[in-house]
Amino acid sequence: MQTAMAPIKRVTLFKVPDEAHQDIILEQYKKVKQDALKNGKPYILSLSAGKTKNDPRAKGFNLCAISVFANMEDMEYYDAECAAHKALKAVASDKLEDIMTVFMESVTDEE
């Protein structure tokens, strides 16, 4: 019996020095949450974005986005084809000092 793959959780951290630019990027994330479609239907299971709390452990990363996808195929679609994500990247690209993205299949979530 094959077990179902756990959802893919993706965390993206941004260093955006200008607070006005932070707000612009977060507004664009609201559009992604509303407009991201695959085959005409919403496909992102969950999307949260916001400013991080001031803490030395953040190492200067001041925005965080957490996205959840049903599978790797949906995350790859997000990266390569999603029009809403392309619009986000276009808005954010010249405002970033640094970006880091990691993703995982959780081993601790409930079945």
PDB file of N, CA and C in Angstrom:
ATOM      1  N   MET A   1       0.843  -1.186   0.000  1.00  0.00           N
ATOM      2  CA  MET A   1       0.000   0.000   0.000  1.00  0.00           C
ATOM      3  C   MET A   1       0.882   1.241   0.000  1.00  0.00           C
ATOM      4  N   GLN A   2       0.651   2.126  -0.930  1.00  0.00           N
ATOM      5  CA  GLN A   2       1.454   3.346  -1.039  1.00  0.00           C
ATOM      6  C   GLN A   2       0.839   4.442  -0.172  1.00  0.00           C
ATOM      7  N   THR A   3       1.661   5.103   0.621  1.00  0.00           N
ATOM      8  CA  THR A   3       1.158   6.184   1.460  1.00  0.00           C
ATOM      9  C   THR A   3       1.100   7.466   0.651  1.00  0.00           C
ATOM     10  N   ALA A   4       0.117   8.279   0.947  1.00  0.00           N
ATOM     11  CA  ALA A   4      -0.035   9.555   0.251  1.00  0.00           C
ATOM     12  C   ALA A   4       1.072  10.507   0.683  1.00  0.00           C
ATOM     13  N   MET A   5       1.509  11.302  -0.251  1.00  0.00           N
ATOM     14  CA  MET A   5       2.554  12.284   0.027  1.00  0.00           C
ATOM     15  C   MET A   5       1.975  13.410   0.890  1.00  0.00           C
ATOM     16  N   ALA A   6       2.714  13.818   1.885  1.00  0.00           N
ATOM     17  CA  ALA A   6       2.295  14.946   2.709  1.00  0.00           C
ATOM     18  C   ALA A   6       2.388  16.229   1.882  1.00  0.00           C
ATOM     19  N   PRO A   7       1.593  17.230   2.225  1.00  0.00           N
ATOM     20  CA  PRO A   7       1.696  18.503   1.504  1.00  0.00           C
ATOM     21  C   PRO A   7       3.113  19.079   1.580  1.00  0.00           C
ATOM     22  N   ILE A   8       3.454  19.869   0.585  1.00  0.00           N
ATOM     23  CA  ILE A   8       4.748  20.539   0.530  1.00  0.00           C
ATOM     24  C   ILE A   8       4.603  21.901   1.193  1.00  0.00           C
ATOM     25  N   LYS A   9       5.414  22.139   2.203  1.00  0.00           N
ATOM     26  CA  LYS A   9       5.429  23.426   2.897  1.00  0.00           C
ATOM     27  C   LYS A   9       6.667  24.186   2.458  1.00  0.00           C
ATOM     28  N   ARG A  10       6.458  25.419   2.036  1.00  0.00           N
ATOM     29  CA  ARG A  10       7.529  26.249   1.487  1.00  0.00           C
ATOM     30  C   ARG A  10       7.625  27.527   2.311  1.00  0.00           C
ATOM     31  N   VAL A  11       8.834  27.843   2.720  1.00  0.00           N
ATOM     32  CA  VAL A  11       9.084  29.065   3.488  1.00  0.00           C
ATOM     33  C   VAL A  11      10.050  29.934   2.687  1.00  0.00           C
ATOM     34  N   THR A  12       9.644  31.171   2.448  1.00  0.00           N
ATOM     35  CA  THR A  12      10.500  32.124   1.751  1.00  0.00           C
ATOM     36  C   THR A  12      10.738  33.308   2.668  1.00  0.00           C
ATOM     37  N   LEU A  13      12.012  33.628   2.843  1.00  0.00           N
ATOM     38  CA  LEU A  13      12.420  34.763   3.680  1.00  0.00           C
ATOM     39  C   LEU A  13      13.026  35.839   2.788  1.00  0.00           C
ATOM     40  N   PHE A  14      12.715  37.082   3.105  1.00  0.00           N
ATOM     41  CA  PHE A  14      13.189  38.217   2.327  1.00  0.00           C
ATOM     42  C   PHE A  14      13.909  39.213   3.226  1.00  0.00           C
ATOM     43  N   LYS A  15      14.967  39.813   2.702  1.00  0.00           N
ATOM     44  CA  LYS A  15      15.575  41.005   3.299  1.00  0.00           C
ATOM     45  C   LYS A  15      15.183  42.165   2.397  1.00  0.00           C
ATOM     46  N   VAL A  16      14.344  43.030   2.926  1.00  0.00           N
ATOM     47  CA  VAL A  16      13.856  44.190   2.178  1.00  0.00           C
ATOM     48  C   VAL A  16      14.110  45.414   3.052  1.00  0.00           C
ATOM     49  N   PRO A  17      15.179  46.169   2.767  1.00  0.00           N
ATOM     50  CA  PRO A  17      15.574  47.274   3.654  1.00  0.00           C
ATOM     51  C   PRO A  17      14.523  48.375   3.796  1.00  0.00           C
ATOM     52  N   ASP A  18      13.833  48.719   2.740  1.00  0.00           N
ATOM     53  CA  ASP A  18      12.883  49.838   2.744  1.00  0.00           C
ATOM     54  C   ASP A  18      11.505  49.357   3.204  1.00  0.00           C
ATOM     55  N   GLU A  19      11.000  49.943   4.293  1.00  0.00           N
ATOM     56  CA  GLU A  19       9.714  49.501   4.838  1.00  0.00           C
ATOM     57  C   GLU A  19       8.565  49.713   3.852  1.00  0.00           C
ATOM     58  N   ALA A  20       8.628  50.764   3.055  1.00  0.00           N
ATOM     59  CA  ALA A  20       7.593  50.986   2.033  1.00  0.00           C
ATOM     60  C   ALA A  20       7.595  49.849   1.020  1.00  0.00           C
ATOM     61  N   HIS A  21       8.787  49.350   0.680  1.00  0.00           N
ATOM     62  CA  HIS A  21       8.887  48.225  -0.245  1.00  0.00           C
ATOM     63  C   HIS A  21       8.346  46.938   0.388  1.00  0.00           C
ATOM     64  N   GLN A  22       8.546  46.791   1.698  1.00  0.00           N
ATOM     65  CA  GLN A  22       7.985  45.635   2.395  1.00  0.00           C
ATOM     66  C   GLN A  22       6.463  45.621   2.227  1.00  0.00           C
ATOM     67  N   ASP A  23       5.855  46.781   2.424  1.00  0.00           N
ATOM     68  CA  ASP A  23       4.397  46.880   2.318  1.00  0.00           C
ATOM     69  C   ASP A  23       3.917  46.574   0.893  1.00  0.00           C
ATOM     70  N   ILE A  24       4.661  47.019  -0.106  1.00  0.00           N
ATOM     71  CA  ILE A  24       4.312  46.754  -1.507  1.00  0.00           C
ATOM     72  C   ILE A  24       4.350  45.252  -1.782  1.00  0.00           C
ATOM     73  N   ILE A  25       5.378  44.585  -1.295  1.00  0.00           N
ATOM     74  CA  ILE A  25       5.501  43.139  -1.508  1.00  0.00           C
ATOM     75  C   ILE A  25       4.374  42.393  -0.801  1.00  0.00           C
ATOM     76  N   LEU A  26       4.046  42.809   0.417  1.00  0.00           N
ATOM     77  CA  LEU A  26       2.956  42.140   1.139  1.00  0.00           C
ATOM     78  C   LEU A  26       1.610  42.359   0.447  1.00  0.00           C
ATOM     79  N   GLU A  27       1.400  43.521  -0.118  1.00  0.00           N
ATOM     80  CA  GLU A  27       0.171  43.756  -0.890  1.00  0.00           C
ATOM     81  C   GLU A  27       0.118  42.827  -2.094  1.00  0.00           C
ATOM     82  N   GLN A  28       1.259  42.596  -2.715  1.00  0.00           N
ATOM     83  CA  GLN A  28       1.296  41.699  -3.866  1.00  0.00           C
ATOM     84  C   GLN A  28       1.017  40.263  -3.435  1.00  0.00           C
ATOM     85  N   TYR A  29       1.467  39.878  -2.240  1.00  0.00           N
ATOM     86  CA  TYR A  29       1.154  38.541  -1.739  1.00  0.00           C
ATOM     87  C   TYR A  29      -0.354  38.360  -1.564  1.00  0.00           C
ATOM     88  N   LYS A  30      -1.055  39.417  -1.164  1.00  0.00           N
ATOM     89  CA  LYS A  30      -2.521  39.337  -1.057  1.00  0.00           C
ATOM     90  C   LYS A  30      -3.128  39.016  -2.423  1.00  0.00           C
ATOM     91  N   LYS A  31      -2.571  39.590  -3.475  1.00  0.00           N
ATOM     92  CA  LYS A  31      -3.052  39.313  -4.830  1.00  0.00           C
ATOM     93  C   LYS A  31      -2.751  37.875  -5.230  1.00  0.00           C
ATOM     94  N   VAL A  32      -1.569  37.385  -4.845  1.00  0.00           N
ATOM     95  CA  VAL A  32      -1.236  35.995  -5.145  1.00  0.00           C
ATOM     96  C   VAL A  32      -2.260  35.077  -4.495  1.00  0.00           C
ATOM     97  N   LYS A  33      -2.555  35.321  -3.234  1.00  0.00           N
ATOM     98  CA  LYS A  33      -3.502  34.471  -2.511  1.00  0.00           C
ATOM     99  C   LYS A  33      -4.856  34.457  -3.215  1.00  0.00           C
ATOM    100  N   GLN A  34      -5.247  35.564  -3.767  1.00  0.00           N
ATOM    101  CA  GLN A  34      -6.543  35.698  -4.435  1.00  0.00           C
ATOM    102  C   GLN A  34      -6.509  35.180  -5.877  1.00  0.00           C
ATOM    103  N   ASP A  35      -5.401  35.418  -6.587  1.00  0.00           N
ATOM    104  CA  ASP A  35      -5.372  35.213  -8.036  1.00  0.00           C
ATOM    105  C   ASP A  35      -4.659  33.954  -8.515  1.00  0.00           C
ATOM    106  N   ALA A  36      -3.956  33.236  -7.648  1.00  0.00           N
ATOM    107  CA  ALA A  36      -3.190  32.061  -8.100  1.00  0.00           C
ATOM    108  C   ALA A  36      -4.136  30.933  -8.501  1.00  0.00           C
ATOM    109  N   LEU A  37      -4.132  30.620  -9.795  1.00  0.00           N
ATOM    110  CA  LEU A  37      -5.005  29.578 -10.325  1.00  0.00           C
ATOM    111  C   LEU A  37      -4.199  28.599 -11.161  1.00  0.00           C
ATOM    112  N   LYS A  38      -4.645  27.359 -11.147  1.00  0.00           N
ATOM    113  CA  LYS A  38      -4.079  26.309 -12.001  1.00  0.00           C
ATOM    114  C   LYS A  38      -5.283  25.605 -12.615  1.00  0.00           C
ATOM    115  N   ASN A  39      -5.317  25.560 -13.934  1.00  0.00           N
ATOM    116  CA  ASN A  39      -6.477  25.003 -14.634  1.00  0.00           C
ATOM    117  C   ASN A  39      -7.774  25.699 -14.208  1.00  0.00           C
ATOM    118  N   GLY A  40      -7.661  27.026 -13.964  1.00  0.00           N
ATOM    119  CA  GLY A  40      -8.828  27.824 -13.624  1.00  0.00           C
ATOM    120  C   GLY A  40      -9.309  27.702 -12.191  1.00  0.00           C
ATOM    121  N   LYS A  41      -8.559  26.973 -11.344  1.00  0.00           N
ATOM    122  CA  LYS A  41      -8.981  26.756  -9.958  1.00  0.00           C
ATOM    123  C   LYS A  41      -7.862  27.119  -8.992  1.00  0.00           C
ATOM    124  N   PRO A  42      -8.227  27.598  -7.782  1.00  0.00           N
ATOM    125  CA  PRO A  42      -7.192  27.836  -6.765  1.00  0.00           C
ATOM    126  C   PRO A  42      -6.462  26.525  -6.460  1.00  0.00           C
ATOM    127  N   TYR A  43      -5.153  26.612  -6.293  1.00  0.00           N
ATOM    128  CA  TYR A  43      -4.371  25.393  -6.043  1.00  0.00           C
ATOM    129  C   TYR A  43      -3.432  25.511  -4.857  1.00  0.00           C
ATOM    130  N   ILE A  44      -3.229  26.702  -4.319  1.00  0.00           N
ATOM    131  CA  ILE A  44      -2.388  26.857  -3.131  1.00  0.00           C
ATOM    132  C   ILE A  44      -3.273  26.548  -1.926  1.00  0.00           C
ATOM    133  N   LEU A  45      -2.872  25.558  -1.140  1.00  0.00           N
ATOM    134  CA  LEU A  45      -3.692  25.145   0.003  1.00  0.00           C
ATOM    135  C   LEU A  45      -3.735  26.210   1.083  1.00  0.00           C
ATOM    136  N   SER A  46      -2.609  26.894   1.284  1.00  0.00           N
ATOM    137  CA  SER A  46      -2.513  27.911   2.323  1.00  0.00           C
ATOM    138  C   SER A  46      -1.386  28.875   1.956  1.00  0.00           C
ATOM    139  N   LEU A  47      -1.594  30.143   2.249  1.00  0.00           N
ATOM    140  CA  LEU A  47      -0.556  31.151   2.006  1.00  0.00           C
ATOM    141  C   LEU A  47      -0.637  32.205   3.099  1.00  0.00           C
ATOM    142  N   SER A  48       0.458  32.362   3.828  1.00  0.00           N
ATOM    143  CA  SER A  48       0.567  33.379   4.872  1.00  0.00           C
ATOM    144  C   SER A  48       1.818  34.195   4.605  1.00  0.00           C
ATOM    145  N   ALA A  49       1.709  35.509   4.740  1.00  0.00           N
ATOM    146  CA  ALA A  49       2.875  36.374   4.551  1.00  0.00           C
ATOM    147  C   ALA A  49       2.785  37.531   5.532  1.00  0.00           C
ATOM    148  N   GLY A  50       3.940  37.965   6.026  1.00  0.00           N
ATOM    149  CA  GLY A  50       3.951  39.086   6.951  1.00  0.00           C
ATOM    150  C   GLY A  50       5.370  39.493   7.304  1.00  0.00           C
ATOM    151  N   LYS A  51       5.442  40.555   8.089  1.00  0.00           N
ATOM    152  CA  LYS A  51       6.727  41.047   8.568  1.00  0.00           C
ATOM    153  C   LYS A  51       7.161  40.199   9.755  1.00  0.00           C
ATOM    154  N   THR A  52       8.449  39.899   9.816  1.00  0.00           N
ATOM    155  CA  THR A  52       8.969  39.139  10.949  1.00  0.00           C
ATOM    156  C   THR A  52       9.126  40.071  12.149  1.00  0.00           C
ATOM    157  N   LYS A  53       9.141  39.490  13.313  1.00  0.00           N
ATOM    158  CA  LYS A  53       9.391  40.257  14.538  1.00  0.00           C
ATOM    159  C   LYS A  53      10.887  40.538  14.643  1.00  0.00           C
ATOM    160  N   ASN A  54      11.218  41.668  15.200  1.00  0.00           N
ATOM    161  CA  ASN A  54      12.614  42.057  15.343  1.00  0.00           C
ATOM    162  C   ASN A  54      13.318  41.116  16.326  1.00  0.00           C
ATOM    163  N   ASP A  55      14.278  40.363  15.816  1.00  0.00           N
ATOM    164  CA  ASP A  55      14.979  39.378  16.623  1.00  0.00           C
ATOM    165  C   ASP A  55      16.321  39.104  15.948  1.00  0.00           C
ATOM    166  N   PRO A  56      17.419  39.048  16.703  1.00  0.00           N
ATOM    167  CA  PRO A  56      18.724  38.824  16.080  1.00  0.00           C
ATOM    168  C   PRO A  56      18.808  37.494  15.321  1.00  0.00           C
ATOM    169  N   ARG A  57      17.999  36.515  15.700  1.00  0.00           N
ATOM    170  CA  ARG A  57      18.037  35.227  15.006  1.00  0.00           C
ATOM    171  C   ARG A  57      17.526  35.328  13.569  1.00  0.00           C
ATOM    172  N   ALA A  58      16.799  36.396  13.248  1.00  0.00           N
ATOM    173  CA  ALA A  58      16.268  36.577  11.889  1.00  0.00           C
ATOM    174  C   ALA A  58      17.356  36.945  10.887  1.00  0.00           C
ATOM    175  N   LYS A  59      18.513  37.387  11.390  1.00  0.00           N
ATOM    176  CA  LYS A  59      19.672  37.715  10.552  1.00  0.00           C
ATOM    177  C   LYS A  59      19.327  38.679   9.414  1.00  0.00           C
ATOM    178  N   GLY A  60      18.441  39.628   9.724  1.00  0.00           N
ATOM    179  CA  GLY A  60      18.102  40.656   8.748  1.00  0.00           C
ATOM    180  C   GLY A  60      16.934  40.316   7.842  1.00  0.00           C
ATOM    181  N   PHE A  61      16.462  39.083   7.864  1.00  0.00           N
ATOM    182  CA  PHE A  61      15.289  38.729   7.054  1.00  0.00           C
ATOM    183  C   PHE A  61      14.058  39.314   7.738  1.00  0.00           C
ATOM    184  N   ASN A  62      13.341  40.170   7.027  1.00  0.00           N
ATOM    185  CA  ASN A  62      12.252  40.907   7.667  1.00  0.00           C
ATOM    186  C   ASN A  62      10.870  40.647   7.080  1.00  0.00           C
ATOM    187  N   LEU A  63      10.777  39.815   6.054  1.00  0.00           N
ATOM    188  CA  LEU A  63       9.491  39.349   5.541  1.00  0.00           C
ATOM    189  C   LEU A  63       9.550  37.833   5.438  1.00  0.00           C
ATOM    190  N   CYS A  64       8.401  37.201   5.670  1.00  0.00           N
ATOM    191  CA  CYS A  64       8.323  35.750   5.585  1.00  0.00           C
ATOM    192  C   CYS A  64       7.021  35.370   4.890  1.00  0.00           C
ATOM    193  N   ALA A  65       7.108  34.408   3.992  1.00  0.00           N
ATOM    194  CA  ALA A  65       5.915  33.853   3.355  1.00  0.00           C
ATOM    195  C   ALA A  65       5.945  32.337   3.512  1.00  0.00           C
ATOM    196  N   ILE A  66       4.817  31.782   3.923  1.00  0.00           N
ATOM    197  CA  ILE A  66       4.688  30.342   4.079  1.00  0.00           C
ATOM    198  C   ILE A  66       3.559  29.888   3.162  1.00  0.00           C
ATOM    199  N   SER A  67       3.921  29.025   2.220  1.00  0.00           N
ATOM    200  CA  SER A  67       2.954  28.508   1.255  1.00  0.00           C
ATOM    201  C   SER A  67       2.846  27.006   1.425  1.00  0.00           C
ATOM    202  N   VAL A  68       1.644  26.470   1.243  1.00  0.00           N
ATOM    203  CA  VAL A  68       1.443  25.025   1.329  1.00  0.00           C
ATOM    204  C   VAL A  68       0.794  24.563   0.020  1.00  0.00           C
ATOM    205  N   PHE A  69       1.414  23.537  -0.563  1.00  0.00           N
ATOM    206  CA  PHE A  69       0.958  22.972  -1.824  1.00  0.00           C
ATOM    207  C   PHE A  69       0.607  21.511  -1.617  1.00  0.00           C
ATOM    208  N   ALA A  70      -0.338  20.995  -2.377  1.00  0.00           N
ATOM    209  CA  ALA A  70      -0.753  19.597  -2.242  1.00  0.00           C
ATOM    210  C   ALA A  70       0.367  18.637  -2.610  1.00  0.00           C
ATOM    211  N   ASN A  71       1.254  19.067  -3.544  1.00  0.00           N
ATOM    212  CA  ASN A  71       2.307  18.172  -4.018  1.00  0.00           C
ATOM    213  C   ASN A  71       3.405  18.988  -4.704  1.00  0.00           C
ATOM    214  N   MET A  72       4.479  18.307  -5.056  1.00  0.00           N
ATOM    215  CA  MET A  72       5.610  18.975  -5.720  1.00  0.00           C
ATOM    216  C   MET A  72       5.204  19.548  -7.072  1.00  0.00           C
ATOM    217  N   GLU A  73       4.334  18.865  -7.780  1.00  0.00           N
ATOM    218  CA  GLU A  73       3.885  19.350  -9.081  1.00  0.00           C
ATOM    219  C   GLU A  73       3.260  20.745  -8.963  1.00  0.00           C
ATOM    220  N   ASP A  74       2.427  20.937  -7.942  1.00  0.00           N
ATOM    221  CA  ASP A  74       1.807  22.250  -7.750  1.00  0.00           C
ATOM    222  C   ASP A  74       2.842  23.308  -7.387  1.00  0.00           C
ATOM    223  N   MET A  75       3.843  22.943  -6.558  1.00  0.00           N
ATOM    224  CA  MET A  75       4.875  23.923  -6.224  1.00  0.00           C
ATOM    225  C   MET A  75       5.714  24.261  -7.458  1.00  0.00           C
ATOM    226  N   GLU A  76       6.010  23.270  -8.261  1.00  0.00           N
ATOM    227  CA  GLU A  76       6.772  23.528  -9.480  1.00  0.00           C
ATOM    228  C   GLU A  76       5.981  24.397 -10.458  1.00  0.00           C
ATOM    229  N   TYR A  77       4.677  24.203 -10.522  1.00  0.00           N
ATOM    230  CA  TYR A  77       3.823  25.060 -11.334  1.00  0.00           C
ATOM    231  C   TYR A  77       3.907  26.501 -10.826  1.00  0.00           C
ATOM    232  N   TYR A  78       3.841  26.662  -9.515  1.00  0.00           N
ATOM    233  CA  TYR A  78       3.954  27.981  -8.887  1.00  0.00           C
ATOM    234  C   TYR A  78       5.255  28.661  -9.309  1.00  0.00           C
ATOM    235  N   ASP A  79       6.352  27.928  -9.260  1.00  0.00           N
ATOM    236  CA  ASP A  79       7.658  28.491  -9.608  1.00  0.00           C
ATOM    237  C   ASP A  79       7.773  28.846 -11.090  1.00  0.00           C
ATOM    238  N   ALA A  80       7.257  27.997 -11.956  1.00  0.00           N
ATOM    239  CA  ALA A  80       7.534  28.142 -13.383  1.00  0.00           C
ATOM    240  C   ALA A  80       6.419  28.780 -14.207  1.00  0.00           C
ATOM    241  N   GLU A  81       5.168  28.589 -13.803  1.00  0.00           N
ATOM    242  CA  GLU A  81       4.079  28.976 -14.699  1.00  0.00           C
ATOM    243  C   GLU A  81       3.032  29.912 -14.118  1.00  0.00           C
ATOM    244  N   CYS A  82       2.876  29.965 -12.824  1.00  0.00           N
ATOM    245  CA  CYS A  82       1.795  30.733 -12.205  1.00  0.00           C
ATOM    246  C   CYS A  82       1.924  32.233 -12.507  1.00  0.00           C
ATOM    247  N   ALA A  83       0.914  32.788 -13.159  1.00  0.00           N
ATOM    248  CA  ALA A  83       0.928  34.210 -13.523  1.00  0.00           C
ATOM    249  C   ALA A  83       0.961  35.102 -12.284  1.00  0.00           C
ATOM    250  N   ALA A  84       0.245  34.720 -11.230  1.00  0.00           N
ATOM    251  CA  ALA A  84       0.223  35.523 -10.003  1.00  0.00           C
ATOM    252  C   ALA A  84       1.605  35.553  -9.348  1.00  0.00           C
ATOM    253  N   HIS A  85       2.321  34.422  -9.365  1.00  0.00           N
ATOM    254  CA  HIS A  85       3.666  34.376  -8.797  1.00  0.00           C
ATOM    255  C   HIS A  85       4.645  35.171  -9.663  1.00  0.00           C
ATOM    256  N   LYS A  86       4.488  35.089 -10.975  1.00  0.00           N
ATOM    257  CA  LYS A  86       5.336  35.884 -11.868  1.00  0.00           C
ATOM    258  C   LYS A  86       5.153  37.370 -11.592  1.00  0.00           C
ATOM    259  N   ALA A  87       3.922  37.803 -11.355  1.00  0.00           N
ATOM    260  CA  ALA A  87       3.665  39.208 -11.045  1.00  0.00           C
ATOM    261  C   ALA A  87       4.323  39.597  -9.719  1.00  0.00           C
ATOM    262  N   LEU A  88       4.266  38.709  -8.735  1.00  0.00           N
ATOM    263  CA  LEU A  88       4.931  38.958  -7.450  1.00  0.00           C
ATOM    264  C   LEU A  88       6.431  39.115  -7.648  1.00  0.00           C
ATOM    265  N   LYS A  89       7.039  38.213  -8.396  1.00  0.00           N
ATOM    266  CA  LYS A  89       8.488  38.293  -8.626  1.00  0.00           C
ATOM    267  C   LYS A  89       8.860  39.585  -9.351  1.00  0.00           C
ATOM    268  N   ALA A  90       8.028  40.017 -10.283  1.00  0.00           N
ATOM    269  CA  ALA A  90       8.300  41.255 -11.012  1.00  0.00           C
ATOM    270  C   ALA A  90       8.269  42.457 -10.079  1.00  0.00           C
ATOM    271  N   VAL A  91       7.319  42.471  -9.159  1.00  0.00           N
ATOM    272  CA  VAL A  91       7.198  43.580  -8.202  1.00  0.00           C
ATOM    273  C   VAL A  91       8.356  43.556  -7.204  1.00  0.00           C
ATOM    274  N   ALA A  92       8.732  42.382  -6.726  1.00  0.00           N
ATOM    275  CA  ALA A  92       9.703  42.261  -5.634  1.00  0.00           C
ATOM    276  C   ALA A  92      11.156  42.315  -6.079  1.00  0.00           C
ATOM    277  N   SER A  93      11.450  41.938  -7.301  1.00  0.00           N
ATOM    278  CA  SER A  93      12.836  41.685  -7.716  1.00  0.00           C
ATOM    279  C   SER A  93      13.793  42.840  -7.464  1.00  0.00           C
ATOM    280  N   ASP A  94      13.380  44.065  -7.694  1.00  0.00           N
ATOM    281  CA  ASP A  94      14.296  45.197  -7.520  1.00  0.00           C
ATOM    282  C   ASP A  94      14.248  45.795  -6.113  1.00  0.00           C
ATOM    283  N   LYS A  95      13.483  45.164  -5.219  1.00  0.00           N
ATOM    284  CA  LYS A  95      13.338  45.692  -3.859  1.00  0.00           C
ATOM    285  C   LYS A  95      14.078  44.838  -2.825  1.00  0.00           C
ATOM    286  N   LEU A  96      14.594  43.708  -3.266  1.00  0.00           N
ATOM    287  CA  LEU A  96      15.197  42.737  -2.351  1.00  0.00           C
ATOM    288  C   LEU A  96      16.693  42.938  -2.193  1.00  0.00           C
ATOM    289  N   GLU A  97      17.152  42.757  -0.976  1.00  0.00           N
ATOM    290  CA  GLU A  97      18.585  42.668  -0.717  1.00  0.00           C
ATOM    291  C   GLU A  97      19.013  41.207  -0.746  1.00  0.00           C
ATOM    292  N   ASP A  98      18.115  40.319  -0.283  1.00  0.00           N
ATOM    293  CA  ASP A  98      18.409  38.886  -0.272  1.00  0.00           C
ATOM    294  C   ASP A  98      17.093  38.128  -0.157  1.00  0.00           C
ATOM    295  N   ILE A  99      17.133  36.869  -0.577  1.00  0.00           N
ATOM    296  CA  ILE A  99      15.966  35.992  -0.486  1.00  0.00           C
ATOM    297  C   ILE A  99      16.461  34.576  -0.235  1.00  0.00           C
ATOM    298  N   MET A 100      15.675  33.808   0.518  1.00  0.00           N
ATOM    299  CA  MET A 100      16.003  32.408   0.767  1.00  0.00           C
ATOM    300  C   MET A 100      14.699  31.620   0.768  1.00  0.00           C
ATOM    301  N   THR A 101      14.673  30.518   0.051  1.00  0.00           N
ATOM    302  CA  THR A 101      13.493  29.660  -0.002  1.00  0.00           C
ATOM    303  C   THR A 101      13.894  28.234   0.331  1.00  0.00           C
ATOM    304  N   VAL A 102      13.116  27.614   1.203  1.00  0.00           N
ATOM    305  CA  VAL A 102      13.276  26.197   1.506  1.00  0.00           C
ATOM    306  C   VAL A 102      11.888  25.567   1.457  1.00  0.00           C
ATOM    307  N   PHE A 103      11.847  24.258   1.198  1.00  0.00           N
ATOM    308  CA  PHE A 103      10.562  23.566   1.214  1.00  0.00           C
ATOM    309  C   PHE A 103      10.771  22.165   1.732  1.00  0.00           C
ATOM    310  N   MET A 104       9.674  21.577   2.231  1.00  0.00           N
ATOM    311  CA  MET A 104       9.778  20.269   2.862  1.00  0.00           C
ATOM    312  C   MET A 104       8.449  19.543   2.810  1.00  0.00           C
ATOM    313  N   GLU A 105       8.557  18.247   3.028  1.00  0.00           N
ATOM    314  CA  GLU A 105       7.402  17.402   3.292  1.00  0.00           C
ATOM    315  C   GLU A 105       7.490  17.087   4.781  1.00  0.00           C
ATOM    316  N   SER A 106       6.525  17.546   5.555  1.00  0.00           N
ATOM    317  CA  SER A 106       6.602  17.413   7.013  1.00  0.00           C
ATOM    318  C   SER A 106       6.469  15.962   7.463  1.00  0.00           C
ATOM    319  N   VAL A 107       7.276  15.586   8.450  1.00  0.00           N
ATOM    320  CA  VAL A 107       7.171  14.256   9.048  1.00  0.00           C
ATOM    321  C   VAL A 107       6.454  14.312  10.386  1.00  0.00           C
ATOM    322  N   THR A 108       6.054  15.492  10.829  1.00  0.00           N
ATOM    323  CA  THR A 108       5.424  15.617  12.138  1.00  0.00           C
ATOM    324  C   THR A 108       3.943  15.932  12.081  1.00  0.00           C
ATOM    325  N   ASP A 109       3.402  16.179  10.887  1.00  0.00           N
ATOM    326  CA  ASP A 109       1.980  16.494  10.774  1.00  0.00           C
ATOM    327  C   ASP A 109       1.143  15.256  11.039  1.00  0.00           C
ATOM    328  N   GLU A 110      -0.078  15.486  11.493  1.00  0.00           N
ATOM    329  CA  GLU A 110      -1.019  14.397  11.719  1.00  0.00           C
ATOM    330  C   GLU A 110      -1.403  13.761  10.392  1.00  0.00           C
ATOM    331  N   GLU A 111      -1.665  12.499  10.404  1.00  0.00           N
ATOM    332  CA  GLU A 111      -2.088  11.771   9.186  1.00  0.00           C
ATOM    333  C   GLU A 111      -3.557  12.047   8.924  1.00  0.00           C
TER     334      GLU A 111
END
